[in-house]
């Protein structure tokens, strides 16, 4: 069984390592200073970069996090702390269904709900779509992390006369915070690489734009546009963009892993 576990772990890790190093090798050769400071240029002109897409991705992820993370955490708390009720089971079922909905359907939903009434693509619509994608992951991991907290902690807090909602926020949630942070990172990692929802919402922009009610560039959409083009120069920029996207996700996960391990190493 130990050998089978090692084999399964190897099969899971090897493709990830291969993708990471292949993307690194293909992307590093196209990286330069202009890539992080210059705007995209039309085909035929030398240089150009993705600074607008990099900033746009950060803004879109931030908007998605502002919308999806609080809802996901509060939903996970409700499902965990009030499990067994009819409403809790309904919410859990809806969350499971939402996690299986293709991202392109989420994009169409955001298009009909925000883009059509506004009559234009916008960063707000893109952030809304990414926020919806974050909710199921944050909810499920928050629920599972809260279930791992021993019931004796809750009972001790309630025995001291602390109300149930204060026990949940100050004891249970704080104890499980490191695991919840990991779930938030997983949600951000998933949202950061989504392309389909952004094609229907923020759409993309070849120029510098930080206005939330206007179309905004993003790394996944820029990679998509470059990858389907017939130009080798744009293909190289697409690999560079893929490397930057993977690096952002990797660095954020690494930093938070180190911080949470040191801070919560002594927690229950």
Protein backbone atom coordinates (compact mmCIF):
# COMPACT_ATOMS: atom_id res chain seq x y z
CA UNK A 1 0.00 0.00 0.00
CA UNK A 2 2.88 2.34 0.73
CA UNK A 3 4.25 1.69 -2.75
CA UNK A 4 0.84 2.38 -4.30
CA UNK A 5 0.57 5.65 -2.37
CA UNK A 6 4.04 6.71 -3.55
CA UNK A 7 3.12 5.78 -7.14
CA UNK A 8 -0.15 7.75 -6.95
CA UNK A 9 1.66 10.77 -5.50
CA UNK A 10 4.26 10.57 -8.26
CA UNK A 11 1.61 10.38 -10.97
CA UNK A 12 -0.02 13.47 -9.50
CA UNK A 13 3.17 15.51 -9.13
CA UNK A 14 5.04 14.62 -12.34
CA UNK A 15 2.57 16.33 -14.74
CA UNK A 16 2.61 19.45 -12.58
CA UNK A 17 6.40 19.56 -12.55
CA UNK A 18 6.52 18.95 -16.30
CA UNK A 19 4.04 21.75 -17.03
CA UNK A 20 5.89 24.15 -14.73
CA UNK A 21 9.34 23.54 -16.19
CA UNK A 22 8.13 23.37 -19.81
CA UNK A 23 6.30 26.67 -19.42
CA UNK A 24 9.33 28.15 -17.69
CA UNK A 25 11.63 27.09 -20.51
CA UNK A 26 9.31 28.40 -23.22
CA UNK A 27 8.43 31.61 -21.41
CA UNK A 28 11.75 32.80 -20.01
CA UNK A 29 13.24 33.28 -23.47
CA UNK A 30 10.56 35.86 -24.31
CA UNK A 31 10.70 37.81 -21.06
CA UNK A 32 12.37 41.21 -20.99
CA UNK A 33 11.96 44.55 -19.26
CA UNK A 34 9.44 45.79 -21.84
CA UNK A 35 7.17 42.83 -21.12
CA UNK A 36 6.46 44.22 -17.64
CA UNK A 37 6.42 47.92 -18.55
CA UNK A 38 5.10 48.30 -22.12
CA UNK A 39 1.67 47.96 -23.70
CA UNK A 40 0.96 45.38 -26.43
CA UNK A 41 1.96 46.46 -29.91
CA UNK A 42 0.41 45.49 -33.27
CA UNK A 43 2.03 42.72 -35.25
CA UNK A 44 5.03 43.96 -37.18
CA UNK A 45 6.22 46.37 -34.52
CA UNK A 46 9.03 45.21 -32.29
CA UNK A 47 8.76 45.12 -28.52
CA UNK A 48 5.61 45.45 -26.52
CA UNK A 49 4.51 43.75 -23.35
CA UNK A 50 1.60 42.90 -21.07
CA UNK A 51 1.73 45.48 -18.31
CA UNK A 52 -1.95 46.31 -18.81
CA UNK A 53 -2.90 42.63 -18.63
CA UNK A 54 -0.81 42.04 -15.48
CA UNK A 55 -2.39 44.99 -13.67
CA UNK A 56 -5.82 44.05 -15.03
CA UNK A 57 -5.52 40.50 -13.70
CA UNK A 58 -4.63 41.78 -10.23
CA UNK A 59 -7.63 44.14 -10.26
CA UNK A 60 -10.03 41.46 -11.49
CA UNK A 61 -8.84 38.95 -8.89
CA UNK A 62 -9.20 41.62 -6.22
CA UNK A 63 -12.76 42.40 -7.30
CA UNK A 64 -13.60 38.71 -7.41
CA UNK A 65 -12.13 38.21 -3.95
CA UNK A 66 -14.09 41.12 -2.48
CA UNK A 67 -17.28 39.52 -3.75
CA UNK A 68 -16.66 35.79 -3.48
CA UNK A 69 -14.44 35.28 -0.43
CA UNK A 70 -16.74 36.81 2.26
CA UNK A 71 -19.77 35.02 0.83
CA UNK A 72 -17.86 31.73 0.67
CA UNK A 73 -16.57 31.99 4.25
CA UNK A 74 -19.97 32.96 5.69
CA UNK A 75 -21.67 30.18 3.74
CA UNK A 76 -19.09 27.65 4.94
CA UNK A 77 -19.63 28.77 8.54
CA UNK A 78 -23.39 28.37 8.21
CA UNK A 79 -23.18 24.94 6.59
CA UNK A 80 -20.72 23.70 9.21
CA UNK A 81 -22.11 25.21 12.39
CA UNK A 82 -25.77 24.65 11.55
CA UNK A 83 -25.48 21.31 9.78
CA UNK A 84 -28.46 19.00 9.83
CA UNK A 85 -31.09 21.61 9.14
CA UNK A 86 -33.07 21.61 5.91
CA UNK A 87 -31.71 25.00 4.86
CA UNK A 88 -28.14 23.89 5.51
CA UNK A 89 -28.59 20.81 3.32
CA UNK A 90 -30.11 22.94 0.55
CA UNK A 91 -27.21 25.40 0.68
CA UNK A 92 -24.69 22.55 0.60
CA UNK A 93 -26.42 21.00 -2.41
CA UNK A 94 -26.48 24.32 -4.26
CA UNK A 95 -22.79 24.83 -3.52
CA UNK A 96 -21.96 21.39 -4.92
CA UNK A 97 -23.96 22.14 -8.07
CA UNK A 98 -22.28 25.53 -8.45
CA UNK A 99 -18.82 23.95 -8.23
CA UNK A 100 -19.66 21.73 -11.20
CA UNK A 101 -21.02 24.44 -13.47
CA UNK A 102 -18.63 25.17 -16.39
CA UNK A 103 -16.93 28.53 -16.12
CA UNK A 104 -18.24 29.60 -19.52
CA UNK A 105 -21.80 29.30 -18.17
CA UNK A 106 -20.82 31.61 -15.30
CA UNK A 107 -19.51 34.05 -17.89
CA UNK A 108 -22.78 33.96 -19.82
CA UNK A 109 -24.70 34.52 -16.57
CA UNK A 110 -22.57 37.57 -15.71
CA UNK A 111 -22.96 38.79 -19.29
CA UNK A 112 -26.75 38.72 -19.02
CA UNK A 113 -26.86 40.13 -15.50
CA UNK A 114 -24.30 42.95 -15.76
CA UNK A 115 -22.96 43.46 -19.31
CA UNK A 116 -26.32 43.73 -21.07
CA UNK A 117 -27.87 46.22 -18.59
CA UNK A 118 -24.67 48.32 -18.65
CA UNK A 119 -24.50 47.91 -22.45
CA UNK A 120 -20.73 47.42 -22.33
CA UNK A 121 -18.06 45.05 -21.11
CA UNK A 122 -16.48 46.01 -17.80
CA UNK A 123 -14.08 44.96 -15.08
CA UNK A 124 -16.99 44.86 -12.65
CA UNK A 125 -18.63 42.10 -14.69
CA UNK A 126 -15.35 40.19 -14.85
CA UNK A 127 -14.80 40.47 -11.10
CA UNK A 128 -18.37 39.33 -10.47
CA UNK A 129 -17.86 36.24 -12.63
CA UNK A 130 -14.58 35.35 -10.92
CA UNK A 131 -16.19 35.89 -7.52
CA UNK A 132 -18.90 33.34 -8.32
CA UNK A 133 -16.19 30.85 -9.29
CA UNK A 134 -14.46 31.38 -5.94
CA UNK A 135 -17.55 30.80 -3.78
CA UNK A 136 -17.82 26.96 -3.99
CA UNK A 137 -14.13 26.34 -3.27
CA UNK A 138 -14.02 28.74 -0.32
CA UNK A 139 -17.32 27.39 1.04
CA UNK A 140 -16.37 23.73 0.94
CA UNK A 141 -12.90 24.17 2.40
CA UNK A 142 -14.19 26.50 5.12
CA UNK A 143 -16.79 23.87 6.02
CA UNK A 144 -14.24 21.07 6.17
CA UNK A 145 -11.74 23.09 8.19
CA UNK A 146 -14.38 24.09 10.75
CA UNK A 147 -15.43 20.46 11.13
CA UNK A 148 -11.86 19.59 12.11
CA UNK A 149 -12.00 21.93 15.11
CA UNK A 150 -12.67 19.79 18.25
CA UNK A 151 -16.14 20.20 19.71
CA UNK A 152 -14.57 20.50 23.16
CA UNK A 153 -13.37 24.00 22.23
CA UNK A 154 -16.91 25.06 21.37
CA UNK A 155 -18.28 23.45 24.53
CA UNK A 156 -15.68 25.14 26.74
CA UNK A 157 -16.46 28.53 25.22
CA UNK A 158 -20.21 28.09 25.61
CA UNK A 159 -19.73 26.88 29.20
CA UNK A 160 -18.01 30.18 30.01
CA UNK A 161 -21.12 32.04 28.90
CA UNK A 162 -19.83 33.20 25.50
CA UNK A 163 -22.58 33.42 22.89
CA UNK A 164 -22.62 31.01 19.98
CA UNK A 165 -21.81 33.59 17.30
CA UNK A 166 -18.85 34.92 19.31
CA UNK A 167 -17.63 31.36 19.82
CA UNK A 168 -17.80 30.76 16.09
CA UNK A 169 -15.95 33.94 15.14
CA UNK A 170 -13.38 34.15 17.94
CA UNK A 171 -12.67 30.49 18.68
CA UNK A 172 -13.73 28.16 15.89
CA UNK A 173 -12.94 30.41 12.93
CA UNK A 174 -9.62 31.55 14.38
CA UNK A 175 -8.51 27.96 15.04
CA UNK A 176 -9.29 26.92 11.46
CA UNK A 177 -7.97 30.13 9.88
CA UNK A 178 -4.80 28.59 8.40
CA UNK A 179 -6.81 25.99 6.50
CA UNK A 180 -9.34 28.59 5.37
CA UNK A 181 -6.53 30.77 4.04
CA UNK A 182 -5.31 27.79 2.03
CA UNK A 183 -8.81 27.40 0.60
CA UNK A 184 -8.88 31.07 -0.36
CA UNK A 185 -5.60 30.61 -2.20
CA UNK A 186 -6.98 27.63 -4.09
CA UNK A 187 -9.98 29.73 -5.11
CA UNK A 188 -7.74 32.58 -6.24
CA UNK A 189 -5.52 30.16 -8.17
CA UNK A 190 -8.54 28.80 -10.02
CA UNK A 191 -9.95 32.25 -10.79
CA UNK A 192 -6.58 33.63 -11.92
CA UNK A 193 -6.36 31.21 -14.84
CA UNK A 194 -9.96 31.46 -16.08
CA UNK A 195 -10.40 32.74 -19.62
CA UNK A 196 -13.95 31.89 -20.73
CA UNK A 197 -15.81 34.06 -18.16
CA UNK A 198 -13.62 37.06 -18.95
CA UNK A 199 -14.31 36.79 -22.68
CA UNK A 200 -17.97 37.50 -21.90
CA UNK A 201 -17.41 40.13 -19.21
CA UNK A 202 -14.21 42.19 -19.08
CA UNK A 203 -13.46 41.16 -22.70
CA UNK A 204 -9.94 42.59 -22.90
CA UNK A 205 -8.25 45.83 -23.81
CA UNK A 206 -5.13 46.59 -25.84
CA UNK A 207 -4.69 49.91 -24.06
CA UNK A 208 -4.08 51.01 -20.47
CA UNK A 209 -7.32 51.02 -18.51
CA UNK A 210 -8.02 50.82 -14.77
CA UNK A 211 -11.61 52.04 -14.96
CA UNK A 212 -13.93 49.45 -13.39
CA UNK A 213 -16.82 50.24 -15.75
CA UNK A 214 -14.75 49.76 -18.91
CA UNK A 215 -13.24 46.71 -20.66
CA UNK A 216 -10.02 45.59 -18.99
CA UNK A 217 -7.12 43.45 -20.14
CA UNK A 218 -6.17 40.25 -18.33
CA UNK A 219 -3.36 37.76 -18.71
CA UNK A 220 -5.55 34.72 -19.59
CA UNK A 221 -7.45 36.60 -22.31
CA UNK A 222 -4.22 38.09 -23.66
CA UNK A 223 -2.66 34.62 -23.76
CA UNK A 224 -5.73 33.31 -25.59
CA UNK A 225 -5.60 36.09 -28.19
CA UNK A 226 -1.89 35.57 -28.78
CA UNK A 227 -2.12 31.77 -28.86
CA UNK A 228 -4.78 31.64 -31.59
CA UNK A 229 -2.93 34.12 -33.78
CA UNK A 230 -0.79 32.93 -36.73
CA UNK A 231 2.27 34.95 -35.63
CA UNK A 232 5.28 33.30 -33.99
CA UNK A 233 6.15 36.48 -32.12
CA UNK A 234 2.73 36.51 -30.44
CA UNK A 235 3.08 32.80 -29.65
CA UNK A 236 6.29 33.56 -27.75
CA UNK A 237 4.53 36.33 -25.83
CA UNK A 238 1.74 33.89 -24.99
CA UNK A 239 4.28 31.51 -23.42
CA UNK A 240 5.79 34.42 -21.51
CA UNK A 241 2.35 35.38 -20.23
CA UNK A 242 1.68 31.77 -19.18
CA UNK A 243 4.95 31.72 -17.26
CA UNK A 244 4.08 34.97 -15.46
CA UNK A 245 0.62 33.65 -14.57
CA UNK A 246 2.01 30.41 -13.16
CA UNK A 247 4.69 32.32 -11.27
CA UNK A 248 2.13 34.62 -9.63
CA UNK A 249 0.10 31.67 -8.38
CA UNK A 250 3.21 29.79 -7.24
CA UNK A 251 4.73 32.72 -5.34
CA UNK A 252 1.48 33.63 -3.57
CA UNK A 253 0.96 30.02 -2.48
CA UNK A 254 4.56 29.71 -1.30
CA UNK A 255 4.52 32.93 0.74
CA UNK A 256 1.22 32.20 2.46
CA UNK A 257 2.23 28.59 3.17
CA UNK A 258 5.36 29.81 4.95
CA UNK A 259 3.53 32.53 6.87
CA UNK A 260 0.65 30.32 8.01
CA UNK A 261 2.95 27.48 9.01
CA UNK A 262 4.97 29.71 11.30
CA UNK A 263 1.95 31.49 12.77
CA UNK A 264 -0.30 28.51 13.38
CA UNK A 265 2.19 25.77 14.02
CA UNK A 266 1.04 25.54 17.62
CA UNK A 267 -2.70 25.73 16.98
CA UNK A 268 -5.07 22.84 17.71
